[in-house]
């Protein structure tokens, strides 16, 4: 039986949202407490902005993405 590779292609919008969410999580998990969100409200506001077109204050570092599942 032939082997089939399924390639998952995210839409540009979904890929951008995923990158923005990774940036928020990266900031939330920073080693230095001063680099993390200072309150749950601050993080919640950032997450609400991540679902819209508002810019994310957490800097998004380039991340390699796998597209083959």
Protein backbone atom coordinates (compact mmCIF):
# COMPACT_ATOMS: atom_id res chain seq x y z
CA UNK A 1 0.00 0.00 0.00
CA UNK A 2 1.47 3.41 -0.95
CA UNK A 3 2.36 5.78 1.85
CA UNK A 4 0.60 9.16 1.76
CA UNK A 5 1.87 12.35 3.40
CA UNK A 6 -0.78 14.84 4.37
CA UNK A 7 0.38 18.43 4.21
CA UNK A 8 -1.45 20.78 6.54
CA UNK A 9 -1.65 24.32 5.20
CA UNK A 10 -2.79 26.95 7.66
CA UNK A 11 -4.39 30.07 6.37
CA UNK A 12 -2.30 33.20 6.72
CA UNK A 13 -4.70 34.50 9.36
CA UNK A 14 -4.47 31.32 11.44
CA UNK A 15 -0.68 31.29 11.16
CA UNK A 16 -0.49 34.92 12.30
CA UNK A 17 -2.78 34.23 15.25
CA UNK A 18 -0.69 31.21 16.26
CA UNK A 19 2.49 33.32 16.14
CA UNK A 20 0.85 36.04 18.24
CA UNK A 21 -0.33 33.52 20.84
CA UNK A 22 3.16 31.97 21.02
CA UNK A 23 4.56 35.45 21.71
CA UNK A 24 2.08 35.98 24.56
CA UNK A 25 2.90 32.56 26.05
CA UNK A 26 6.64 33.18 25.69
CA UNK A 27 6.28 36.42 27.67
CA UNK A 28 4.12 34.73 30.31
CA UNK A 29 6.79 32.05 30.81
CA UNK A 30 9.81 34.39 30.96
CA UNK A 31 12.39 33.43 33.59
CA UNK A 32 12.67 36.98 34.92
CA UNK A 33 9.54 38.09 36.82
CA UNK A 34 9.99 41.67 35.60
CA UNK A 35 9.80 40.48 31.98
CA UNK A 36 6.48 38.64 32.57
CA UNK A 37 3.02 40.15 32.61
CA UNK A 38 2.58 42.02 35.88
CA UNK A 39 -1.05 40.97 36.31
CA UNK A 40 -3.63 38.56 34.96
CA UNK A 41 -5.55 41.57 33.66
CA UNK A 42 -2.54 42.67 31.59
CA UNK A 43 -2.22 39.20 30.05
CA UNK A 44 -5.98 38.96 29.45
CA UNK A 45 -5.93 42.32 27.64
CA UNK A 46 -3.09 41.05 25.45
CA UNK A 47 -5.02 37.86 24.66
CA UNK A 48 -8.14 39.82 23.77
CA UNK A 49 -5.99 41.90 21.43
CA UNK A 50 -4.55 38.71 19.92
CA UNK A 51 -7.95 37.71 18.66
CA UNK A 52 -8.35 40.99 16.80
CA UNK A 53 -6.01 43.03 14.65
CA UNK A 54 -4.45 44.90 17.60
CA UNK A 55 -0.66 44.63 17.87
CA UNK A 56 0.78 42.31 20.51
CA UNK A 57 3.23 43.98 22.89
CA UNK A 58 5.08 40.70 23.45
CA UNK A 59 7.81 40.60 20.81
CA UNK A 60 7.33 37.65 18.49
CA UNK A 61 10.59 35.90 17.72
CA UNK A 62 10.79 33.95 14.47
CA UNK A 63 9.84 30.33 14.97
CA UNK A 64 10.37 27.50 12.49
CA UNK A 65 7.09 25.79 11.68
CA UNK A 66 6.46 22.23 10.53
CA UNK A 67 3.83 21.88 7.86
CA UNK A 68 4.00 18.12 7.32
CA UNK A 69 1.90 16.08 9.70
